[in-house]
Amino acid sequence: MARLSDLIIQHPDVTSFEDLERLVAHAAESGIMHIEFDVKPDYRDTPKKWEWKLETVFARGLKYD
C-alpha cells in the first residue's frame, strides 16, 4: 500500500495535479495494489473532486495517457 503523501514527498518534481495523476497511474502499473489518500494535494490545479479523479486514474494505471 502507498500513501499519497509519500508519493508527493518522494517526487518533488511533481508540480501540478496533472503530473500527480501520471505519478499515481505509474504507481498502479508498478504493482501497488492500494493507495491511501491521506492528504489533499496542494496544487493550483487540484480539482474539487480530486479523490474521485485519482481513484479513477489509479484503477486505470498507465492507460490514463
PDB file of N, CA and C in Angstrom:
ATOM      1  N   MET A   1       0.841  -1.176   0.000  1.00  0.00           N
ATOM      2  CA  MET A   1       0.000   0.000   0.000  1.00  0.00           C
ATOM      3  C   MET A   1       0.889   1.245   0.000  1.00  0.00           C
ATOM      4  N   ALA A   2       0.431   2.249  -0.711  1.00  0.00           N
ATOM      5  CA  ALA A   2       1.156   3.518  -0.766  1.00  0.00           C
ATOM      6  C   ALA A   2       0.268   4.627  -0.222  1.00  0.00           C
ATOM      7  N   ARG A   3       0.919   5.629   0.302  1.00  0.00           N
ATOM      8  CA  ARG A   3       0.201   6.824   0.753  1.00  0.00           C
ATOM      9  C   ARG A   3       0.473   7.941  -0.251  1.00  0.00           C
ATOM     10  N   LEU A   4      -0.540   8.712  -0.511  1.00  0.00           N
ATOM     11  CA  LEU A   4      -0.382   9.830  -1.434  1.00  0.00           C
ATOM     12  C   LEU A   4       0.688  10.793  -0.939  1.00  0.00           C
ATOM     13  N   SER A   5       0.717  11.041   0.352  1.00  0.00           N
ATOM     14  CA  SER A   5       1.724  11.956   0.907  1.00  0.00           C
ATOM     15  C   SER A   5       3.137  11.453   0.627  1.00  0.00           C
ATOM     16  N   ASP A   6       3.354  10.141   0.729  1.00  0.00           N
ATOM     17  CA  ASP A   6       4.687   9.587   0.458  1.00  0.00           C
ATOM     18  C   ASP A   6       5.066   9.777  -1.007  1.00  0.00           C
ATOM     19  N   LEU A   7       4.114   9.552  -1.903  1.00  0.00           N
ATOM     20  CA  LEU A   7       4.398   9.750  -3.330  1.00  0.00           C
ATOM     21  C   LEU A   7       4.774  11.199  -3.612  1.00  0.00           C
ATOM     22  N   ILE A   8       4.033  12.122  -3.017  1.00  0.00           N
ATOM     23  CA  ILE A   8       4.299  13.545  -3.232  1.00  0.00           C
ATOM     24  C   ILE A   8       5.678  13.922  -2.680  1.00  0.00           C
ATOM     25  N   ILE A   9       6.004  13.458  -1.492  1.00  0.00           N
ATOM     26  CA  ILE A   9       7.301  13.768  -0.876  1.00  0.00           C
ATOM     27  C   ILE A   9       8.449  13.174  -1.683  1.00  0.00           C
ATOM     28  N   GLN A  10       8.278  11.957  -2.172  1.00  0.00           N
ATOM     29  CA  GLN A  10       9.338  11.279  -2.919  1.00  0.00           C
ATOM     30  C   GLN A  10       9.541  11.838  -4.317  1.00  0.00           C
ATOM     31  N   HIS A  11       8.590  12.638  -4.801  1.00  0.00           N
ATOM     32  CA  HIS A  11       8.679  13.180  -6.164  1.00  0.00           C
ATOM     33  C   HIS A  11       8.463  14.691  -6.149  1.00  0.00           C
ATOM     34  N   PRO A  12       9.458  15.451  -5.663  1.00  0.00           N
ATOM     35  CA  PRO A  12       9.296  16.911  -5.591  1.00  0.00           C
ATOM     36  C   PRO A  12       9.198  17.571  -6.964  1.00  0.00           C
ATOM     37  N   ASP A  13       9.533  16.836  -8.021  1.00  0.00           N
ATOM     38  CA  ASP A  13       9.433  17.367  -9.377  1.00  0.00           C
ATOM     39  C   ASP A  13       7.978  17.450  -9.852  1.00  0.00           C
ATOM     40  N   VAL A  14       7.058  16.802  -9.151  1.00  0.00           N
ATOM     41  CA  VAL A  14       5.639  16.860  -9.481  1.00  0.00           C
ATOM     42  C   VAL A  14       5.107  18.196  -8.974  1.00  0.00           C
ATOM     43  N   THR A  15       4.660  19.031  -9.912  1.00  0.00           N
ATOM     44  CA  THR A  15       4.256  20.394  -9.545  1.00  0.00           C
ATOM     45  C   THR A  15       2.828  20.738  -9.946  1.00  0.00           C
ATOM     46  N   SER A  16       2.090  19.756 -10.469  1.00  0.00           N
ATOM     47  CA  SER A  16       0.707  20.019 -10.864  1.00  0.00           C
ATOM     48  C   SER A  16      -0.134  18.763 -10.621  1.00  0.00           C
ATOM     49  N   PHE A  17      -1.423  18.958 -10.591  1.00  0.00           N
ATOM     50  CA  PHE A  17      -2.311  17.813 -10.394  1.00  0.00           C
ATOM     51  C   PHE A  17      -2.211  16.857 -11.577  1.00  0.00           C
ATOM     52  N   GLU A  18      -2.037  17.377 -12.763  1.00  0.00           N
ATOM     53  CA  GLU A  18      -1.876  16.531 -13.945  1.00  0.00           C
ATOM     54  C   GLU A  18      -0.640  15.639 -13.807  1.00  0.00           C
ATOM     55  N   ASP A  19       0.455  16.198 -13.328  1.00  0.00           N
ATOM     56  CA  ASP A  19       1.659  15.399 -13.081  1.00  0.00           C
ATOM     57  C   ASP A  19       1.386  14.334 -12.019  1.00  0.00           C
ATOM     58  N   LEU A  20       0.632  14.707 -11.007  1.00  0.00           N
ATOM     59  CA  LEU A  20       0.299  13.764  -9.936  1.00  0.00           C
ATOM     60  C   LEU A  20      -0.541  12.612 -10.474  1.00  0.00           C
ATOM     61  N   GLU A  21      -1.448  12.906 -11.377  1.00  0.00           N
ATOM     62  CA  GLU A  21      -2.249  11.842 -11.984  1.00  0.00           C
ATOM     63  C   GLU A  21      -1.351  10.825 -12.692  1.00  0.00           C
ATOM     64  N   ARG A  22      -0.373  11.312 -13.416  1.00  0.00           N
ATOM     65  CA  ARG A  22       0.572  10.408 -14.093  1.00  0.00           C
ATOM     66  C   ARG A  22       1.364   9.580 -13.081  1.00  0.00           C
ATOM     67  N   LEU A  23       1.778  10.217 -12.004  1.00  0.00           N
ATOM     68  CA  LEU A  23       2.518   9.516 -10.955  1.00  0.00           C
ATOM     69  C   LEU A  23       1.670   8.424 -10.314  1.00  0.00           C
ATOM     70  N   VAL A  24       0.422   8.708 -10.033  1.00  0.00           N
ATOM     71  CA  VAL A  24      -0.488   7.726  -9.443  1.00  0.00           C
ATOM     72  C   VAL A  24      -0.726   6.578 -10.429  1.00  0.00           C
ATOM     73  N   ALA A  25      -0.881   6.896 -11.701  1.00  0.00           N
ATOM     74  CA  ALA A  25      -1.049   5.855 -12.715  1.00  0.00           C
ATOM     75  C   ALA A  25       0.181   4.954 -12.771  1.00  0.00           C
ATOM     76  N   HIS A  26       1.351   5.561 -12.716  1.00  0.00           N
ATOM     77  CA  HIS A  26       2.594   4.784 -12.742  1.00  0.00           C
ATOM     78  C   HIS A  26       2.713   3.895 -11.500  1.00  0.00           C
ATOM     79  N   ALA A  27       2.303   4.409 -10.352  1.00  0.00           N
ATOM     80  CA  ALA A  27       2.338   3.609  -9.123  1.00  0.00           C
ATOM     81  C   ALA A  27       1.461   2.371  -9.269  1.00  0.00           C
ATOM     82  N   ALA A  28       0.296   2.542  -9.867  1.00  0.00           N
ATOM     83  CA  ALA A  28      -0.598   1.400 -10.074  1.00  0.00           C
ATOM     84  C   ALA A  28       0.035   0.378 -11.005  1.00  0.00           C
ATOM     85  N   GLU A  29       0.658   0.846 -12.055  1.00  0.00           N
ATOM     86  CA  GLU A  29       1.290  -0.053 -13.019  1.00  0.00           C
ATOM     87  C   GLU A  29       2.503  -0.771 -12.432  1.00  0.00           C
ATOM     88  N   SER A  30       3.136  -0.162 -11.444  1.00  0.00           N
ATOM     89  CA  SER A  30       4.338  -0.762 -10.875  1.00  0.00           C
ATOM     90  C   SER A  30       4.026  -1.818  -9.816  1.00  0.00           C
ATOM     91  N   GLY A  31       2.740  -2.066  -9.597  1.00  0.00           N
ATOM     92  CA  GLY A  31       2.367  -3.157  -8.715  1.00  0.00           C
ATOM     93  C   GLY A  31       1.743  -2.769  -7.390  1.00  0.00           C
ATOM     94  N   ILE A  32       1.626  -1.503  -7.112  1.00  0.00           N
ATOM     95  CA  ILE A  32       0.972  -1.089  -5.869  1.00  0.00           C
ATOM     96  C   ILE A  32      -0.509  -1.441  -5.977  1.00  0.00           C
ATOM     97  N   MET A  33      -1.006  -2.125  -4.980  1.00  0.00           N
ATOM     98  CA  MET A  33      -2.379  -2.620  -5.024  1.00  0.00           C
ATOM     99  C   MET A  33      -3.392  -1.650  -4.411  1.00  0.00           C
ATOM    100  N   HIS A  34      -2.959  -0.851  -3.457  1.00  0.00           N
ATOM    101  CA  HIS A  34      -3.858   0.085  -2.761  1.00  0.00           C
ATOM    102  C   HIS A  34      -3.148   1.410  -2.569  1.00  0.00           C
ATOM    103  N   ILE A  35      -3.943   2.465  -2.589  1.00  0.00           N
ATOM    104  CA  ILE A  35      -3.392   3.786  -2.319  1.00  0.00           C
ATOM    105  C   ILE A  35      -4.303   4.490  -1.319  1.00  0.00           C
ATOM    106  N   GLU A  36      -3.676   5.134  -0.360  1.00  0.00           N
ATOM    107  CA  GLU A  36      -4.417   5.859   0.679  1.00  0.00           C
ATOM    108  C   GLU A  36      -4.289   7.353   0.397  1.00  0.00           C
ATOM    109  N   PHE A  37      -5.418   8.018   0.293  1.00  0.00           N
ATOM    110  CA  PHE A  37      -5.431   9.461   0.060  1.00  0.00           C
ATOM    111  C   PHE A  37      -5.436  10.168   1.410  1.00  0.00           C
ATOM    112  N   ASP A  38      -4.262  10.262   2.004  1.00  0.00           N
ATOM    113  CA  ASP A  38      -4.137  10.795   3.361  1.00  0.00           C
ATOM    114  C   ASP A  38      -3.965  12.307   3.414  1.00  0.00           C
ATOM    115  N   VAL A  39      -3.723  12.936   2.285  1.00  0.00           N
ATOM    116  CA  VAL A  39      -3.615  14.395   2.226  1.00  0.00           C
ATOM    117  C   VAL A  39      -4.279  14.890   0.950  1.00  0.00           C
ATOM    118  N   LYS A  40      -4.724  16.144   0.987  1.00  0.00           N
ATOM    119  CA  LYS A  40      -5.241  16.776  -0.225  1.00  0.00           C
ATOM    120  C   LYS A  40      -4.047  17.387  -0.955  1.00  0.00           C
ATOM    121  N   PRO A  41      -3.885  17.094  -2.245  1.00  0.00           N
ATOM    122  CA  PRO A  41      -2.775  17.687  -2.994  1.00  0.00           C
ATOM    123  C   PRO A  41      -2.887  19.216  -3.010  1.00  0.00           C
ATOM    124  N   ASP A  42      -1.783  19.874  -2.806  1.00  0.00           N
ATOM    125  CA  ASP A  42      -1.775  21.331  -2.716  1.00  0.00           C
ATOM    126  C   ASP A  42      -1.221  21.948  -3.997  1.00  0.00           C
ATOM    127  N   TYR A  43      -1.897  21.687  -5.111  1.00  0.00           N
ATOM    128  CA  TYR A  43      -1.501  22.252  -6.398  1.00  0.00           C
ATOM    129  C   TYR A  43      -2.576  23.238  -6.829  1.00  0.00           C
ATOM    130  N   ARG A  44      -2.184  24.215  -7.592  1.00  0.00           N
ATOM    131  CA  ARG A  44      -3.147  25.232  -8.041  1.00  0.00           C
ATOM    132  C   ARG A  44      -4.276  24.633  -8.858  1.00  0.00           C
ATOM    133  N   ASP A  45      -3.978  23.555  -9.590  1.00  0.00           N
ATOM    134  CA  ASP A  45      -4.989  22.971 -10.480  1.00  0.00           C
ATOM    135  C   ASP A  45      -5.713  21.766  -9.871  1.00  0.00           C
ATOM    136  N   THR A  46      -5.605  21.563  -8.563  1.00  0.00           N
ATOM    137  CA  THR A  46      -6.294  20.446  -7.913  1.00  0.00           C
ATOM    138  C   THR A  46      -7.806  20.685  -7.977  1.00  0.00           C
ATOM    139  N   PRO A  47      -8.539  19.750  -8.608  1.00  0.00           N
ATOM    140  CA  PRO A  47      -9.990  19.930  -8.732  1.00  0.00           C
ATOM    141  C   PRO A  47     -10.720  19.607  -7.430  1.00  0.00           C
ATOM    142  N   LYS A  48     -11.980  20.016  -7.349  1.00  0.00           N
ATOM    143  CA  LYS A  48     -12.771  19.758  -6.148  1.00  0.00           C
ATOM    144  C   LYS A  48     -12.942  18.262  -5.902  1.00  0.00           C
ATOM    145  N   LYS A  49     -13.145  17.494  -6.935  1.00  0.00           N
ATOM    146  CA  LYS A  49     -13.352  16.043  -6.795  1.00  0.00           C
ATOM    147  C   LYS A  49     -12.045  15.299  -7.063  1.00  0.00           C
ATOM    148  N   TRP A  50     -10.981  15.757  -6.433  1.00  0.00           N
ATOM    149  CA  TRP A  50      -9.653  15.203  -6.679  1.00  0.00           C
ATOM    150  C   TRP A  50      -9.543  13.738  -6.292  1.00  0.00           C
ATOM    151  N   GLU A  51     -10.203  13.327  -5.205  1.00  0.00           N
ATOM    152  CA  GLU A  51     -10.111  11.925  -4.777  1.00  0.00           C
ATOM    153  C   GLU A  51     -10.702  10.994  -5.825  1.00  0.00           C
ATOM    154  N   TRP A  52     -11.858  11.374  -6.347  1.00  0.00           N
ATOM    155  CA  TRP A  52     -12.511  10.563  -7.380  1.00  0.00           C
ATOM    156  C   TRP A  52     -11.622  10.454  -8.613  1.00  0.00           C
ATOM    157  N   LYS A  53     -11.015  11.576  -9.024  1.00  0.00           N
ATOM    158  CA  LYS A  53     -10.145  11.561 -10.201  1.00  0.00           C
ATOM    159  C   LYS A  53      -8.933  10.659  -9.985  1.00  0.00           C
ATOM    160  N   LEU A  54      -8.319  10.757  -8.809  1.00  0.00           N
ATOM    161  CA  LEU A  54      -7.148   9.921  -8.554  1.00  0.00           C
ATOM    162  C   LEU A  54      -7.519   8.444  -8.428  1.00  0.00           C
ATOM    163  N   GLU A  55      -8.659   8.141  -7.854  1.00  0.00           N
ATOM    164  CA  GLU A  55      -9.115   6.746  -7.789  1.00  0.00           C
ATOM    165  C   GLU A  55      -9.289   6.177  -9.191  1.00  0.00           C
ATOM    166  N   THR A  56      -9.870   6.964 -10.075  1.00  0.00           N
ATOM    167  CA  THR A  56     -10.085   6.527 -11.454  1.00  0.00           C
ATOM    168  C   THR A  56      -8.756   6.290 -12.157  1.00  0.00           C
ATOM    169  N   VAL A  57      -7.835   7.218 -12.004  1.00  0.00           N
ATOM    170  CA  VAL A  57      -6.520   7.091 -12.625  1.00  0.00           C
ATOM    171  C   VAL A  57      -5.786   5.873 -12.066  1.00  0.00           C
ATOM    172  N   PHE A  58      -5.870   5.664 -10.768  1.00  0.00           N
ATOM    173  CA  PHE A  58      -5.201   4.523 -10.146  1.00  0.00           C
ATOM    174  C   PHE A  58      -5.779   3.208 -10.678  1.00  0.00           C
ATOM    175  N   ALA A  59      -7.087   3.156 -10.845  1.00  0.00           N
ATOM    176  CA  ALA A  59      -7.729   1.941 -11.354  1.00  0.00           C
ATOM    177  C   ALA A  59      -7.326   1.654 -12.805  1.00  0.00           C
ATOM    178  N   ARG A  60      -7.118   2.682 -13.575  1.00  0.00           N
ATOM    179  CA  ARG A  60      -6.744   2.510 -14.985  1.00  0.00           C
ATOM    180  C   ARG A  60      -5.258   2.260 -15.187  1.00  0.00           C
ATOM    181  N   GLY A  61      -4.448   2.712 -14.259  1.00  0.00           N
ATOM    182  CA  GLY A  61      -2.997   2.596 -14.435  1.00  0.00           C
ATOM    183  C   GLY A  61      -2.522   3.502 -15.547  1.00  0.00           C
ATOM    184  N   LEU A  62      -1.506   3.080 -16.270  1.00  0.00           N
ATOM    185  CA  LEU A  62      -0.932   3.917 -17.316  1.00  0.00           C
ATOM    186  C   LEU A  62      -1.823   4.039 -18.538  1.00  0.00           C
ATOM    187  N   LYS A  63      -2.936   3.356 -18.561  1.00  0.00           N
ATOM    188  CA  LYS A  63      -3.887   3.509 -19.652  1.00  0.00           C
ATOM    189  C   LYS A  63      -4.490   4.901 -19.623  1.00  0.00           C
ATOM    190  N   TYR A  64      -4.207   5.643 -18.553  1.00  0.00           N
ATOM    191  CA  TYR A  64      -4.677   7.015 -18.377  1.00  0.00           C
ATOM    192  C   TYR A  64      -4.247   7.891 -19.547  1.00  0.00           C
ATOM    193  N   ASP A  65      -2.986   7.768 -19.963  1.00  0.00           N
ATOM    194  CA  ASP A  65      -2.477   8.616 -21.054  1.00  0.00           C
ATOM    195  C   ASP A  65      -3.123   8.180 -22.311  1.00  0.00           C
TER     196      ASP A  65
END
